Protein backbone atom coordinates (compact mmCIF):
# COMPACT_ATOMS: atom_id res chain seq x y z
CA MET A 1 7.98 -60.32 72.21
CA PHE A 2 8.21 -56.55 72.68
CA LEU A 3 4.82 -55.96 71.06
CA ILE A 4 3.16 -57.61 74.07
CA ALA A 5 3.88 -54.45 76.06
CA VAL A 6 2.26 -52.09 73.54
CA PRO A 7 -1.40 -52.51 74.69
CA VAL A 8 -0.34 -52.05 78.32
CA MET A 9 1.54 -48.85 77.51
CA VAL A 10 -1.38 -47.51 75.47
CA LEU A 11 -3.70 -48.14 78.42
CA MET A 12 -1.28 -46.31 80.75
CA LEU A 13 -1.04 -43.34 78.39
CA VAL A 14 -4.82 -43.04 78.28
CA ALA A 15 -5.56 -43.69 81.95
CA ALA A 16 -2.63 -42.05 83.76
CA PRO A 17 -3.58 -38.38 83.12
CA ALA A 18 -7.02 -39.00 84.60
CA LEU A 19 -6.09 -41.31 87.48
CA VAL A 20 -2.61 -40.30 88.65
CA PRO A 21 -2.36 -37.01 90.58
CA GLU A 22 0.44 -34.61 89.71
CA PHE A 23 2.50 -32.77 92.32
CA LYS A 24 4.75 -29.92 91.29
CA ASP A 25 5.90 -26.51 92.36
CA PRO A 26 2.78 -24.37 91.81
CA GLU A 27 4.80 -21.23 91.06
CA ASN A 28 7.69 -22.37 88.89
CA ALA A 29 7.95 -26.03 87.98
CA GLY A 30 10.90 -25.35 85.66
CA ARG A 31 12.15 -27.37 82.72
CA ALA A 32 14.69 -30.12 82.29
CA ASP A 33 18.23 -28.90 81.70
CA LEU A 34 19.33 -30.74 78.56
CA PHE A 35 22.99 -29.87 79.09
CA SER A 36 22.81 -31.59 82.49
CA VAL A 37 21.35 -34.65 80.78
CA LEU A 38 24.32 -34.73 78.41
CA LEU A 39 26.74 -34.30 81.31
CA SER A 40 25.13 -37.18 83.20
CA MET A 41 25.50 -39.43 80.15
CA ALA A 42 29.09 -38.30 79.68
CA THR A 43 29.69 -39.25 83.31
CA LEU A 44 28.21 -42.73 83.30
CA LEU A 45 29.07 -44.11 79.88
CA PRO A 46 32.88 -43.77 80.14
CA ILE A 47 32.84 -45.26 83.66
CA VAL A 48 30.79 -48.29 82.60
CA TYR A 49 32.94 -48.72 79.48
CA GLY A 50 36.15 -48.52 81.49
CA ILE A 51 34.97 -51.07 84.05
CA LYS A 52 33.98 -53.56 81.37
CA GLU A 53 37.25 -53.12 79.44
CA LEU A 54 39.36 -53.54 82.59
CA ALA A 55 37.56 -56.79 83.36
CA LYS A 56 38.04 -57.99 79.80
CA TYR A 57 41.67 -57.06 79.12
CA GLY A 58 43.13 -56.20 82.53
CA PRO A 59 44.85 -52.90 83.46
CA GLN A 60 45.25 -50.71 80.39
CA VAL A 61 45.70 -47.00 79.90
CA LEU A 62 42.56 -46.24 77.87
CA PRO A 63 39.97 -47.80 80.24
CA ILE A 64 41.61 -46.09 83.23
CA LEU A 65 41.58 -42.75 81.43
CA MET A 66 37.92 -43.24 80.52
CA ILE A 67 36.99 -43.89 84.16
CA VAL A 68 38.96 -40.83 85.31
CA ALA A 69 37.32 -38.74 82.59
CA GLY A 70 33.87 -39.97 83.65
CA PHE A 71 34.45 -38.95 87.26
CA ALA A 72 35.84 -35.58 86.14
CA VAL A 73 32.71 -34.88 84.11
CA GLY A 74 30.69 -36.03 87.12
CA VAL A 75 32.28 -33.27 89.21
CA VAL A 76 31.29 -30.73 86.56
CA PHE A 77 27.76 -32.17 86.54
CA LEU A 78 27.40 -31.82 90.32
CA ARG A 79 28.76 -28.27 90.32
CA ARG A 80 26.27 -27.32 87.63
CA GLN A 81 23.43 -28.76 89.70
CA ARG A 82 24.44 -26.53 92.61
CA ILE A 83 24.22 -23.32 90.60
CA LEU A 84 21.02 -24.03 88.65
CA THR A 85 17.77 -22.62 89.98
CA ARG A 86 15.95 -25.77 88.85
CA PRO A 87 18.61 -28.51 88.74
CA LEU A 88 18.16 -31.87 87.10
CA ILE A 89 19.20 -33.45 90.41
CA ASP A 90 18.45 -31.48 93.56
CA VAL A 91 21.73 -31.91 95.42
CA GLU A 92 20.26 -30.21 98.50
CA LEU A 93 17.99 -33.20 99.07
CA PHE A 94 21.07 -35.25 99.89
CA ARG A 95 21.50 -33.16 103.04
CA ARG A 96 18.53 -35.08 104.41
CA ARG A 97 19.93 -38.28 105.81
CA PRO A 98 16.74 -40.34 105.31
CA PHE A 99 16.66 -39.32 101.66
CA SER A 100 20.33 -39.99 100.89
CA VAL A 101 20.46 -43.29 102.79
CA SER A 102 17.18 -44.49 101.29
CA LEU A 103 18.26 -43.56 97.76
CA ALA A 104 21.62 -45.29 98.24
CA SER A 105 19.83 -48.38 99.57
CA GLN A 106 17.54 -48.42 96.55
CA THR A 107 20.40 -48.04 94.09
CA LEU A 108 22.48 -50.76 95.73
CA GLY A 109 19.46 -53.05 96.06
CA LEU A 110 18.79 -52.83 92.34
CA PHE A 111 22.54 -53.14 91.73
CA ALA A 112 22.31 -56.56 93.39
CA GLN A 113 19.03 -57.57 91.79
CA GLY A 114 20.02 -56.60 88.26
CA ALA A 115 23.37 -58.37 88.54
CA ILE A 116 22.04 -61.67 89.87
CA GLN A 117 19.20 -61.83 87.33
CA PHE A 118 21.71 -61.24 84.53
CA LEU A 119 23.94 -64.09 85.73
CA ILE A 120 21.20 -66.56 86.72
CA MET A 121 19.59 -66.51 83.28
CA GLN A 122 22.96 -67.27 81.68
CA TYR A 123 23.62 -70.00 84.24
CA LEU A 124 20.33 -71.77 83.54
CA GLN A 125 20.83 -71.76 79.79
CA LEU A 126 24.60 -72.03 79.28
CA VAL A 127 25.59 -74.18 82.26
CA VAL A 128 22.50 -76.23 83.12
CA GLY A 129 21.57 -76.45 79.43
CA MET A 130 17.97 -75.22 79.53
CA SER A 131 16.19 -73.67 76.59
CA PRO A 132 15.17 -70.00 76.95
CA LEU A 133 11.58 -71.12 77.65
CA GLU A 134 12.66 -73.62 80.31
CA ALA A 135 14.89 -71.04 81.95
CA GLY A 136 12.02 -68.58 81.95
CA LEU A 137 9.71 -71.11 83.60
CA TRP A 138 12.30 -71.82 86.31
CA THR A 139 12.30 -68.12 87.18
CA VAL A 140 8.51 -67.92 87.58
CA GLY A 141 8.86 -68.97 91.24
CA PRO A 142 11.32 -66.19 92.09
CA LEU A 143 9.09 -63.74 90.18
CA LEU A 144 6.01 -64.72 92.18
CA MET A 145 7.92 -64.55 95.47
CA GLY A 146 9.08 -61.07 94.50
CA ILE A 147 5.42 -60.08 94.13
CA VAL A 148 4.62 -61.68 97.50
CA GLY A 149 7.48 -59.74 99.09
CA SER A 150 6.17 -56.48 97.65
CA LEU A 151 2.67 -57.16 98.96
CA MET A 152 3.96 -58.13 102.41
CA ALA A 153 6.06 -54.99 102.82
CA PRO A 154 3.31 -52.79 104.37
CA ARG A 155 2.39 -55.51 106.87
CA VAL A 156 6.01 -56.03 107.87
CA ALA A 157 6.43 -52.27 108.32
CA ARG A 158 3.34 -52.07 110.54
CA LEU A 159 4.53 -54.98 112.70
CA THR A 160 8.00 -53.45 113.16
CA SER A 161 8.85 -50.22 111.34
CA GLN A 162 9.93 -49.19 107.88
CA VAL A 163 13.57 -49.20 108.93
CA TYR A 164 13.47 -52.67 110.45
CA GLY A 165 11.35 -53.86 107.54
CA LEU A 166 14.07 -52.63 105.17
CA ALA A 167 16.71 -54.46 107.23
CA PHE A 168 14.59 -57.62 107.29
CA GLY A 169 14.15 -57.64 103.53
CA PHE A 170 17.77 -57.01 102.63
CA GLY A 171 18.92 -59.39 105.36
CA LEU A 172 16.85 -62.13 103.73
CA ALA A 173 18.36 -61.21 100.37
CA ALA A 174 21.86 -61.59 101.84
CA GLY A 175 20.89 -65.05 103.07
CA GLY A 176 19.61 -65.90 99.59
CA PHE A 177 22.93 -64.93 98.02
CA LEU A 178 24.74 -67.15 100.52
CA LEU A 179 22.55 -70.09 99.46
CA ILE A 180 23.87 -69.72 95.91
CA LEU A 181 27.45 -70.31 97.08
CA PRO A 182 27.29 -74.15 97.31
CA GLY A 183 26.39 -74.33 93.61
CA GLY A 184 24.00 -76.64 91.84
CA LEU A 185 20.60 -75.97 90.31
CA GLY A 186 18.56 -76.50 93.48
CA TRP A 187 20.56 -74.21 95.77
CA THR A 188 20.85 -71.59 93.05
CA VAL A 189 17.11 -71.39 92.38
CA VAL A 190 16.22 -71.43 96.10
CA GLY A 191 18.76 -68.68 96.77
CA PHE A 192 17.52 -66.64 93.82
CA THR A 193 13.94 -67.01 95.09
CA LEU A 194 14.88 -65.74 98.55
CA THR A 195 16.82 -62.79 97.15
CA SER A 196 13.86 -61.84 94.95
CA PHE A 197 11.50 -61.96 97.93
CA GLY A 198 13.80 -59.97 100.21
CA ILE A 199 14.89 -57.27 97.77
CA ASN A 200 11.34 -56.59 96.55
CA LEU A 201 10.09 -56.37 100.14
CA GLY A 202 12.80 -53.89 101.06
CA MET A 203 12.43 -51.94 97.85
CA VAL A 204 8.76 -51.05 98.47
CA LEU A 205 9.70 -49.53 101.82
CA VAL A 206 12.72 -47.75 100.39
CA TYR A 207 10.66 -46.06 97.65
CA ASP A 208 8.19 -44.85 100.26
CA MET A 209 10.99 -43.51 102.44
CA ILE A 210 12.56 -41.65 99.51
CA LEU A 211 9.31 -39.82 98.73
CA ALA A 212 8.38 -39.27 102.38
CA SER A 213 11.72 -37.61 103.13
CA ALA A 214 11.26 -34.92 100.45
CA PRO A 215 8.94 -31.88 100.64
CA ARG A 216 5.59 -32.41 98.93
CA GLU A 217 6.34 -29.86 96.20
CA ARG A 218 9.58 -31.71 95.43
CA ALA A 219 7.90 -35.09 95.11
CA GLY A 220 8.45 -35.09 91.35
CA THR A 221 12.16 -34.37 91.82
CA ALA A 222 12.48 -37.10 94.44
CA SER A 223 10.60 -39.55 92.24
CA GLY A 224 12.80 -38.72 89.27
CA MET A 225 15.94 -39.22 91.36
CA ALA A 226 14.56 -42.55 92.56
CA GLU A 227 13.99 -43.59 88.96
CA THR A 228 17.54 -42.50 88.11
CA GLY A 229 18.83 -44.59 91.02
CA ASN A 230 16.77 -47.49 89.68
CA GLU A 231 18.31 -47.43 86.21
CA LEU A 232 21.79 -46.56 87.49
CA GLY A 233 21.75 -49.41 90.00
CA ILE A 234 20.75 -52.02 87.42
CA ALA A 235 23.23 -50.75 84.82
CA LEU A 236 26.14 -50.63 87.26
CA GLY A 237 25.20 -53.99 88.75
CA ILE A 238 25.35 -55.68 85.37
CA ALA A 239 28.55 -53.83 84.43
CA VAL A 240 30.46 -54.23 87.70
CA ILE A 241 29.31 -57.65 88.91
CA GLY A 242 29.09 -58.99 85.37
CA SER A 243 32.67 -57.86 84.80
CA LEU A 244 33.78 -59.42 88.09
CA SER A 245 32.17 -62.72 87.15
CA ALA A 246 33.72 -62.54 83.68
CA ALA A 247 37.16 -61.87 85.16
CA VAL A 248 36.87 -64.94 87.40
CA TYR A 249 35.71 -66.98 84.40
CA ARG A 250 38.60 -65.87 82.20
CA ALA A 251 41.18 -66.48 84.90
CA GLN A 252 39.92 -70.00 85.55
CA VAL A 253 39.72 -70.94 81.86
CA THR A 254 43.22 -69.56 81.32
CA GLU A 255 44.64 -71.56 84.22
CA SER A 256 42.87 -74.79 83.21
CA ASN A 257 44.80 -77.53 81.50
CA LEU A 258 43.31 -78.07 78.05
CA PRO A 259 45.78 -80.31 76.21
CA GLY A 260 45.11 -81.07 72.59
CA ILE A 261 42.79 -78.10 72.09
CA PRO A 262 44.01 -75.43 69.63
CA SER A 263 45.13 -72.19 71.24
CA ASP A 264 42.74 -70.13 69.12
CA ALA A 265 39.84 -72.23 70.42
CA VAL A 266 40.98 -71.65 74.00
CA ASP A 267 41.30 -67.90 73.33
CA SER A 268 37.76 -67.83 71.97
CA ALA A 269 36.45 -69.81 74.94
CA ARG A 270 37.99 -67.23 77.30
CA GLU A 271 35.54 -64.64 75.96
CA GLY A 272 32.55 -66.34 77.57
CA VAL A 273 30.77 -69.60 78.22
CA GLY A 274 28.62 -69.06 75.12
CA ASN A 275 31.75 -68.84 72.98
CA ALA A 276 33.07 -71.99 74.63
CA ALA A 277 29.90 -73.87 73.68
CA ALA A 278 30.20 -72.67 70.09
CA VAL A 279 33.88 -73.68 69.92
CA ALA A 280 33.15 -77.08 71.47
CA SER A 281 30.71 -77.93 68.68
CA ASP A 282 33.65 -77.98 66.22
CA LEU A 283 35.92 -80.13 68.39
CA PRO A 284 36.18 -83.94 68.73
CA ALA A 285 33.88 -85.44 71.35
CA ASP A 286 36.47 -85.82 74.14
CA ALA A 287 37.91 -82.34 73.61
CA ALA A 288 34.41 -80.84 73.40
CA ASP A 289 33.40 -82.45 76.70
CA GLN A 290 36.55 -81.14 78.33
CA MET A 291 35.99 -77.65 76.96
CA LEU A 292 32.37 -77.56 78.14
CA ARG A 293 33.23 -78.88 81.59
CA VAL A 294 36.00 -76.33 82.12
CA SER A 295 33.93 -73.39 80.85
CA GLN A 296 30.83 -74.34 82.84
CA ASP A 297 32.83 -74.82 86.03
CA ALA A 298 34.49 -71.45 85.43
CA PHE A 299 31.15 -69.71 84.93
CA SER A 300 29.78 -71.33 88.10
CA SER A 301 32.82 -70.03 89.99
CA GLY A 302 32.17 -66.55 88.65
CA LEU A 303 28.52 -66.76 89.69
CA GLN A 304 29.45 -67.90 93.19
CA THR A 305 32.01 -65.12 93.54
CA ALA A 306 29.39 -62.59 92.46
CA ALA A 307 26.88 -64.05 94.94
CA GLY A 308 29.40 -63.69 97.76
CA VAL A 309 30.02 -60.03 96.91
CA LEU A 310 26.28 -59.33 96.62
CA ALA A 311 25.67 -60.99 99.99
CA LEU A 312 28.05 -58.42 101.50
CA VAL A 313 26.32 -55.59 99.61
CA THR A 314 22.81 -56.50 100.77
CA ALA A 315 23.94 -57.23 104.33
CA GLY A 316 25.62 -53.82 104.33
CA ILE A 317 22.36 -52.18 103.24
CA ALA A 318 20.50 -53.85 106.12
CA ILE A 319 23.09 -52.87 108.72
CA ALA A 320 23.56 -49.32 107.45
CA GLY A 321 19.80 -48.79 107.23
CA VAL A 322 19.31 -49.58 110.92
CA ALA A 323 22.42 -47.69 112.01
CA LEU A 324 21.68 -44.52 110.04
CA LEU A 325 17.89 -44.34 109.90
CA ARG A 326 16.67 -45.71 113.21
CA GLY A 327 14.97 -42.98 115.19
CA ARG A 328 15.38 -40.34 112.47
CA HIS A 329 13.32 -38.81 109.71
CA ALA A 330 13.44 -35.65 107.64
CA PRO A 331 10.28 -33.55 107.88
CA ALA A 332 8.88 -33.06 104.39
CA SER A 333 8.34 -29.33 104.47
CA ASP A 334 10.06 -26.12 103.51
CA ASP A 335 10.76 -25.44 107.18
CA ALA A 336 13.30 -28.25 107.25
CA ASP A 337 16.84 -27.05 106.75
CA GLY A 338 17.99 -30.42 105.50
CA SER A 339 19.80 -31.41 108.69
CA ASP A 340 19.08 -34.58 110.61
CA ALA A 341 16.15 -34.43 112.98
CA PRO A 342 14.97 -36.91 115.60
CA GLU A 343 12.04 -38.98 114.55
CA GLN A 344 8.64 -38.25 115.97
CA PRO A 345 6.39 -41.15 117.00
CA ASP A 346 3.23 -41.57 114.98
CA ASP A 347 -0.27 -41.91 116.39
CA ALA A 348 0.20 -45.62 117.06
CA GLY A 349 3.18 -44.87 119.27
CA ASP A 350 5.74 -46.78 117.18
CA GLU A 351 8.77 -45.30 115.48
CA ARG A 352 9.12 -45.20 111.75
CA GLY A 353 12.06 -44.13 109.61
CA GLY A 354 9.92 -42.52 106.94
CA ALA A 355 6.24 -41.89 106.30
CA PRO A 356 3.85 -42.77 109.17
CA GLU A 357 2.02 -45.22 106.90
CA PRO A 358 3.95 -47.29 104.34
CA VAL A 359 2.63 -47.52 100.83
CA GLY A 360 0.65 -50.61 99.94
């Protein structure tokens, strides 16, 4: 499966140096600070570990200490970035409101997208009972609508503005998450399709706004920070929302009445709906049906809880984007001091919260 990507990557390695322009500081591009890389890893890994362990076992000393330690290392990381001449993350860029808000919107958008994809694929296979191939085919529609949303983003931005286009996309995504709440295969797939369309539409505009709000010579730094936000958002989405869904699942399985089923089988089923299916295969028919029904209902409840939280997240992105970015942009030049500046109309007379022309 992974070998399919090899020819594509080889083509990119050959073609990119010739076709993709490079922008960097012409005087001193600097090098990556490896110690900062280690600090960033030492920040994120304990936090993710702690969140997952708290969801699995409840409040315990070690996970809490790991989270505290992760945040403490994060403070050290940020202080180091402030004193480095060429930091791994240019903290000064966060003084530009369009940059910081756009980057936060991107990270939270991918937080939502990564989380719902993670849960939907489990739902299709472990609750609905599809094979991996069938589940993959059922997600082709959402995939194609995500592509359509990406392609429509420039047109939406031209009809309104980048800011209102961002709000439109994430507002649609919030509506998609709400459609998942009733449950059932149909509502879930339709809601997933709408979230894919909306998040991808908004994400194209957000990426453009991130790059447009940074000086040209810092485009590489801004792009790298956007990529970091990408990976961080997906990882935290799976960790946080996946843990939330798992906690709801465990609580519901624990509270369910499962008479006649051995306690060790129930304990195993609490670990996940996949475990419950494996345990059920060794039980008598009636007990197996009961185990599967309880575990599948519990997973569906976890999915619906996650969808409700993600609806609030994406609606918050839409509202905050309009409130904080409307009528503002950060001029991408060295003359900018990083403070907020009123937006200047472009040649067409409309107002945009980022680059005059969105990327296509």
